Amino acid sequence: MAYAPRTVRAVEHLRTVSHLPGDVIEIGVSAGDTTISMAQYLKETGIDKKIYACDTYEGLPYDGKLGLDDMLKKGECAASFEKFWGRVVQYGLEDYIVPIPGLVEDTLMARLKDRTWCFAFVDLDLYEPTSHVARYLHDRITPNGIQGYHDYKFERCPGIEIVVDQEIDRNRYQMVGDNWGNCAWLKRVD
């Protein structure tokens, strides 16, 4: 399987933090390329961690907001849960992936409130849920852990750049690496 640059970088960054406490979370999974790649890495290396795969599994949950991400429409980026989970089973990764279906605004605090993460990858396209996730992750990434945001500096998703550049505490998180594949990677440094 050929992987997009974001997936390649996600696995590279996961390798650098997989020894840290905490599991892995991907928020905005779609068909699961990045989730599956990260799970394959965990399986191949024998690392005992789970990947929590959060998504509506119905595409974008609502239209973007006027003037911010209004080019994005409800239902875009859709990949059904059946398609995603079928791929997980095809690769024999059921023991490594925990699906969390629903809106992140509803599921993160309800189901994952007390979790910590060594690595997080966020690919939600829309400003509002991405901002919500950044606030959720603020205290939940372990020291030296990494969080990544796809669609950083991508013209169809200007809200992601606002979240990364204006809402994430830069005393706590510093940019690492490059933004190959339109991703911003931030390491917790406090």
C-alpha atoms as a PDB file:
ATOM      1  CA  MET A   1       0.000   0.000   0.000  1.00  0.00           C
ATOM      2  CA  ALA A   2       1.353   3.467  -0.898  1.00  0.00           C
ATOM      3  CA  TYR A   3       0.940   6.010   1.867  1.00  0.00           C
ATOM      4  CA  ALA A   4       0.324   9.748   1.804  1.00  0.00           C
ATOM      5  CA  PRO A   5       3.065  11.995   3.249  1.00  0.00           C
ATOM      6  CA  ARG A   6       0.979  12.654   6.375  1.00  0.00           C
ATOM      7  CA  THR A   7       0.806   8.932   7.094  1.00  0.00           C
ATOM      8  CA  VAL A   8       4.542   8.462   6.606  1.00  0.00           C
ATOM      9  CA  ARG A   9       5.291  11.361   8.983  1.00  0.00           C
ATOM     10  CA  ALA A  10       2.749  10.168  11.533  1.00  0.00           C
ATOM     11  CA  VAL A  11       4.465   6.789  11.798  1.00  0.00           C
ATOM     12  CA  GLU A  12       7.900   8.441  11.938  1.00  0.00           C
ATOM     13  CA  HIS A  13       6.804  10.671  14.826  1.00  0.00           C
ATOM     14  CA  LEU A  14       5.044   7.785  16.588  1.00  0.00           C
ATOM     15  CA  ARG A  15       8.329   5.856  16.521  1.00  0.00           C
ATOM     16  CA  THR A  16      10.014   8.656  18.474  1.00  0.00           C
ATOM     17  CA  VAL A  17       7.421   8.693  21.271  1.00  0.00           C
ATOM     18  CA  SER A  18       6.083   5.130  21.456  1.00  0.00           C
ATOM     19  CA  HIS A  19       8.248   4.425  24.511  1.00  0.00           C
ATOM     20  CA  LEU A  20       6.416   7.138  26.489  1.00  0.00           C
ATOM     21  CA  PRO A  21       3.396   6.489  28.720  1.00  0.00           C
ATOM     22  CA  GLY A  22      -0.020   6.774  27.129  1.00  0.00           C
ATOM     23  CA  ASP A  23      -1.788   5.303  24.155  1.00  0.00           C
ATOM     24  CA  VAL A  24      -2.308   6.737  20.664  1.00  0.00           C
ATOM     25  CA  ILE A  25      -5.320   8.636  19.361  1.00  0.00           C
ATOM     26  CA  GLU A  26      -6.320   9.532  15.834  1.00  0.00           C
ATOM     27  CA  ILE A  27      -9.183  11.974  15.544  1.00  0.00           C
ATOM     28  CA  GLY A  28     -10.627  12.069  12.049  1.00  0.00           C
ATOM     29  CA  VAL A  29      -9.943   8.617  10.653  1.00  0.00           C
ATOM     30  CA  SER A  30     -11.808   8.400   7.314  1.00  0.00           C
ATOM     31  CA  ALA A  31     -10.878   5.087   5.649  1.00  0.00           C
ATOM     32  CA  GLY A  32      -8.093   4.490   8.159  1.00  0.00           C
ATOM     33  CA  ASP A  33      -4.826   4.674   6.217  1.00  0.00           C
ATOM     34  CA  THR A  34      -2.968   6.429   9.034  1.00  0.00           C
ATOM     35  CA  THR A  35      -4.631   4.364  11.765  1.00  0.00           C
ATOM     36  CA  ILE A  36      -3.728   1.123   9.997  1.00  0.00           C
ATOM     37  CA  SER A  37      -0.138   2.222   9.360  1.00  0.00           C
ATOM     38  CA  MET A  38       0.372   3.158  12.998  1.00  0.00           C
ATOM     39  CA  ALA A  39      -1.221  -0.104  14.162  1.00  0.00           C
ATOM     40  CA  GLN A  40       1.036  -2.091  11.825  1.00  0.00           C
ATOM     41  CA  TYR A  41       4.043  -0.371  13.394  1.00  0.00           C
ATOM     42  CA  LEU A  42       2.824  -1.246  16.910  1.00  0.00           C
ATOM     43  CA  LYS A  43       2.174  -4.854  15.892  1.00  0.00           C
ATOM     44  CA  GLU A  44       5.523  -5.287  14.116  1.00  0.00           C
ATOM     45  CA  THR A  45       7.478  -3.880  17.061  1.00  0.00           C
ATOM     46  CA  GLY A  46       5.456  -5.607  19.784  1.00  0.00           C
ATOM     47  CA  ILE A  47       4.563  -2.320  21.476  1.00  0.00           C
ATOM     48  CA  ASP A  48       1.627  -2.788  23.833  1.00  0.00           C
ATOM     49  CA  LYS A  49      -0.485   0.271  23.036  1.00  0.00           C
ATOM     50  CA  LYS A  50      -3.937   0.858  21.600  1.00  0.00           C
ATOM     51  CA  ILE A  51      -4.937   3.342  18.930  1.00  0.00           C
ATOM     52  CA  TYR A  52      -8.250   5.032  19.650  1.00  0.00           C
ATOM     53  CA  ALA A  53      -9.834   5.850  16.270  1.00  0.00           C
ATOM     54  CA  CYS A  54     -12.347   8.691  16.680  1.00  0.00           C
ATOM     55  CA  ASP A  55     -14.618   9.582  13.769  1.00  0.00           C
ATOM     56  CA  THR A  56     -18.262  10.062  12.835  1.00  0.00           C
ATOM     57  CA  TYR A  57     -17.661   7.411  10.158  1.00  0.00           C
ATOM     58  CA  GLU A  58     -20.134   9.465   8.077  1.00  0.00           C
ATOM     59  CA  GLY A  59     -17.848  12.197   6.736  1.00  0.00           C
ATOM     60  CA  LEU A  60     -17.856  15.799   7.875  1.00  0.00           C
ATOM     61  CA  PRO A  61     -20.691  16.227  10.396  1.00  0.00           C
ATOM     62  CA  TYR A  62     -21.756  19.672   9.162  1.00  0.00           C
ATOM     63  CA  ASP A  63     -20.923  22.375   6.634  1.00  0.00           C
ATOM     64  CA  GLY A  64     -18.007  24.690   7.296  1.00  0.00           C
ATOM     65  CA  LYS A  65     -18.717  28.173   8.653  1.00  0.00           C
ATOM     66  CA  LEU A  66     -19.072  31.149   6.346  1.00  0.00           C
ATOM     67  CA  GLY A  67     -15.775  32.904   5.771  1.00  0.00           C
ATOM     68  CA  LEU A  68     -13.637  30.291   7.523  1.00  0.00           C
ATOM     69  CA  ASP A  69     -13.997  26.824   6.059  1.00  0.00           C
ATOM     70  CA  ASP A  70     -17.188  27.313   4.051  1.00  0.00           C
ATOM     71  CA  MET A  71     -15.885  25.330   1.055  1.00  0.00           C
ATOM     72  CA  LEU A  72     -16.282  22.163   3.141  1.00  0.00           C
ATOM     73  CA  LYS A  73     -19.669  20.449   3.053  1.00  0.00           C
ATOM     74  CA  LYS A  74     -21.442  17.950   5.261  1.00  0.00           C
ATOM     75  CA  GLY A  75     -20.675  14.393   4.230  1.00  0.00           C
ATOM     76  CA  GLU A  76     -17.326  15.106   2.529  1.00  0.00           C
ATOM     77  CA  CYS A  77     -14.492  12.687   3.341  1.00  0.00           C
ATOM     78  CA  ALA A  78     -16.994   9.943   4.118  1.00  0.00           C
ATOM     79  CA  ALA A  79     -15.842   6.421   4.759  1.00  0.00           C
ATOM     80  CA  SER A  80     -18.290   4.133   6.518  1.00  0.00           C
ATOM     81  CA  PHE A  81     -17.460   2.317   9.708  1.00  0.00           C
ATOM     82  CA  GLU A  82     -17.941  -0.954   7.826  1.00  0.00           C
ATOM     83  CA  LYS A  83     -15.314   0.023   5.263  1.00  0.00           C
ATOM     84  CA  PHE A  84     -12.881   1.177   7.964  1.00  0.00           C
ATOM     85  CA  TRP A  85     -13.348  -1.870  10.181  1.00  0.00           C
ATOM     86  CA  GLY A  86     -13.214  -4.229   7.191  1.00  0.00           C
ATOM     87  CA  ARG A  87      -9.741  -2.882   6.429  1.00  0.00           C
ATOM     88  CA  VAL A  88      -8.696  -3.280  10.075  1.00  0.00           C
ATOM     89  CA  VAL A  89      -9.797  -6.930   9.993  1.00  0.00           C
ATOM     90  CA  GLN A  90      -8.141  -7.468   6.597  1.00  0.00           C
ATOM     91  CA  TYR A  91      -4.785  -6.483   8.127  1.00  0.00           C
ATOM     92  CA  GLY A  92      -5.372  -8.414  11.372  1.00  0.00           C
ATOM     93  CA  LEU A  93      -5.203  -5.308  13.579  1.00  0.00           C
ATOM     94  CA  GLU A  94      -8.374  -5.693  15.653  1.00  0.00           C
ATOM     95  CA  ASP A  95      -6.390  -6.008  18.902  1.00  0.00           C
ATOM     96  CA  TYR A  96      -4.637  -2.674  18.308  1.00  0.00           C
ATOM     97  CA  ILE A  97      -7.503  -0.369  17.326  1.00  0.00           C
ATOM     98  CA  VAL A  98     -10.433   0.844  19.433  1.00  0.00           C
ATOM     99  CA  PRO A  99     -13.064   2.641  17.346  1.00  0.00           C
ATOM    100  CA  ILE A 100     -14.843   5.592  18.968  1.00  0.00           C
ATOM    101  CA  PRO A 101     -17.766   6.570  16.723  1.00  0.00           C
ATOM    102  CA  GLY A 102     -19.532   9.914  17.065  1.00  0.00           C
ATOM    103  CA  LEU A 103     -18.915  13.639  17.165  1.00  0.00           C
ATOM    104  CA  VAL A 104     -15.694  14.522  18.980  1.00  0.00           C
ATOM    105  CA  GLU A 105     -17.587  17.213  20.848  1.00  0.00           C
ATOM    106  CA  ASP A 106     -19.665  14.406  22.395  1.00  0.00           C
ATOM    107  CA  THR A 107     -17.260  11.476  22.655  1.00  0.00           C
ATOM    108  CA  LEU A 108     -13.890  12.765  23.882  1.00  0.00           C
ATOM    109  CA  MET A 109     -14.967  13.894  27.347  1.00  0.00           C
ATOM    110  CA  ALA A 110     -17.683  11.263  27.673  1.00  0.00           C
ATOM    111  CA  ARG A 111     -15.514   8.268  26.793  1.00  0.00           C
ATOM    112  CA  LEU A 112     -11.866   9.365  26.989  1.00  0.00           C
ATOM    113  CA  LYS A 113     -11.814  12.004  29.731  1.00  0.00           C
ATOM    114  CA  ASP A 114      -9.147  10.367  31.889  1.00  0.00           C
ATOM    115  CA  ARG A 115      -6.841   9.113  29.122  1.00  0.00           C
ATOM    116  CA  THR A 116      -3.357  10.367  28.318  1.00  0.00           C
ATOM    117  CA  TRP A 117      -1.664  10.083  24.944  1.00  0.00           C
ATOM    118  CA  CYS A 118       1.927   9.762  23.803  1.00  0.00           C
ATOM    119  CA  PHE A 119       0.817  10.601  20.271  1.00  0.00           C
ATOM    120  CA  ALA A 120      -2.226  12.239  18.693  1.00  0.00           C
ATOM    121  CA  PHE A 121      -3.045  12.842  15.047  1.00  0.00           C
ATOM    122  CA  VAL A 122      -5.910  15.188  14.195  1.00  0.00           C
ATOM    123  CA  ASP A 123      -7.500  15.386  10.737  1.00  0.00           C
ATOM    124  CA  LEU A 124     -10.911  17.027  11.074  1.00  0.00           C
ATOM    125  CA  ASP A 125     -10.707  19.699   8.340  1.00  0.00           C
ATOM    126  CA  LEU A 126     -13.174  21.977  10.161  1.00  0.00           C
ATOM    127  CA  TYR A 127     -12.169  24.719  12.594  1.00  0.00           C
ATOM    128  CA  GLU A 128     -14.700  24.143  15.399  1.00  0.00           C
ATOM    129  CA  PRO A 129     -14.073  20.459  16.124  1.00  0.00           C
ATOM    130  CA  THR A 130     -10.310  20.950  15.675  1.00  0.00           C
ATOM    131  CA  SER A 131     -10.349  23.776  18.221  1.00  0.00           C
ATOM    132  CA  HIS A 132     -12.328  21.539  20.587  1.00  0.00           C
ATOM    133  CA  VAL A 133      -9.774  18.743  20.162  1.00  0.00           C
ATOM    134  CA  ALA A 134      -6.817  21.083  20.779  1.00  0.00           C
ATOM    135  CA  ARG A 135      -8.367  22.101  24.108  1.00  0.00           C
ATOM    136  CA  TYR A 136      -9.018  18.444  24.971  1.00  0.00           C
ATOM    137  CA  LEU A 137      -5.421  17.417  24.170  1.00  0.00           C
ATOM    138  CA  HIS A 138      -3.768  20.358  25.976  1.00  0.00           C
ATOM    139  CA  ASP A 139      -3.172  18.510  29.281  1.00  0.00           C
ATOM    140  CA  ARG A 140      -3.507  14.967  27.949  1.00  0.00           C
ATOM    141  CA  ILE A 141      -0.373  14.641  25.798  1.00  0.00           C
ATOM    142  CA  THR A 142       2.388  13.179  27.965  1.00  0.00           C
ATOM    143  CA  PRO A 143       5.575  15.245  28.371  1.00  0.00           C
ATOM    144  CA  ASN A 144       7.682  14.847  25.205  1.00  0.00           C
ATOM    145  CA  GLY A 145       4.656  13.428  23.387  1.00  0.00           C
ATOM    146  CA  ILE A 146       3.602  14.739  19.986  1.00  0.00           C
ATOM    147  CA  GLN A 147       0.358  15.921  18.470  1.00  0.00           C
ATOM    148  CA  GLY A 148      -0.070  16.442  14.727  1.00  0.00           C
ATOM    149  CA  TYR A 149      -2.626  18.441  12.750  1.00  0.00           C
ATOM    150  CA  HIS A 150      -3.339  17.629   9.112  1.00  0.00           C
ATOM    151  CA  ASP A 151      -4.404  20.387   6.672  1.00  0.00           C
ATOM    152  CA  TYR A 152      -2.111  22.959   8.279  1.00  0.00           C
ATOM    153  CA  LYS A 153      -1.672  25.833   5.798  1.00  0.00           C
ATOM    154  CA  PHE A 154      -4.054  24.125   3.351  1.00  0.00           C
ATOM    155  CA  GLU A 155      -6.212  26.736   1.626  1.00  0.00           C
ATOM    156  CA  ARG A 156      -9.479  24.779   1.967  1.00  0.00           C
ATOM    157  CA  CYS A 157      -8.992  24.430   5.720  1.00  0.00           C
ATOM    158  CA  PRO A 158      -7.783  27.798   7.080  1.00  0.00           C
ATOM    159  CA  GLY A 159      -9.176  27.062  10.526  1.00  0.00           C
ATOM    160  CA  ILE A 160      -6.494  24.466  11.175  1.00  0.00           C
ATOM    161  CA  GLU A 161      -3.773  27.103  10.863  1.00  0.00           C
ATOM    162  CA  ILE A 162      -5.683  29.321  13.316  1.00  0.00           C
ATOM    163  CA  VAL A 163      -5.844  26.494  15.867  1.00  0.00           C
ATOM    164  CA  VAL A 164      -2.157  25.606  15.511  1.00  0.00           C
ATOM    165  CA  ASP A 165      -0.765  29.130  15.337  1.00  0.00           C
ATOM    166  CA  GLN A 166      -3.101  30.952  17.723  1.00  0.00           C
ATOM    167  CA  GLU A 167      -4.779  28.517  20.104  1.00  0.00           C
ATOM    168  CA  ILE A 168      -2.149  25.959  21.081  1.00  0.00           C
ATOM    169  CA  ASP A 169       0.031  27.097  23.997  1.00  0.00           C
ATOM    170  CA  ARG A 170       3.531  27.552  22.548  1.00  0.00           C
ATOM    171  CA  ASN A 171       5.087  27.582  26.022  1.00  0.00           C
ATOM    172  CA  ARG A 172       3.880  24.006  26.352  1.00  0.00           C
ATOM    173  CA  TYR A 173       4.102  22.825  22.726  1.00  0.00           C
ATOM    174  CA  GLN A 174       6.823  23.572  20.188  1.00  0.00           C
ATOM    175  CA  MET A 175       6.792  22.818  16.470  1.00  0.00           C
ATOM    176  CA  VAL A 176       9.018  19.927  15.433  1.00  0.00           C
ATOM    177  CA  GLY A 177      10.102  18.836  11.976  1.00  0.00           C
ATOM    178  CA  ASP A 178       8.642  20.217   8.782  1.00  0.00           C
ATOM    179  CA  ASN A 179       5.094  20.521   7.533  1.00  0.00           C
ATOM    180  CA  TRP A 180       5.495  17.995   4.693  1.00  0.00           C
ATOM    181  CA  GLY A 181       2.055  16.731   3.740  1.00  0.00           C
ATOM    182  CA  ASN A 182       0.380  19.861   5.150  1.00  0.00           C
ATOM    183  CA  CYS A 183       0.877  18.763   8.741  1.00  0.00           C
ATOM    184  CA  ALA A 184       1.966  20.650  11.830  1.00  0.00           C
ATOM    185  CA  TRP A 185       3.721  18.568  14.481  1.00  0.00           C
ATOM    186  CA  LEU A 186       3.964  19.845  18.049  1.00  0.00           C
ATOM    187  CA  LYS A 187       5.969  18.324  20.893  1.00  0.00           C
ATOM    188  CA  ARG A 188       5.062  18.870  24.517  1.00  0.00           C
ATOM    189  CA  VAL A 189       8.101  20.474  26.145  1.00  0.00           C
ATOM    190  CA  ASP A 190       7.015  21.354  29.702  1.00  0.00           C
END
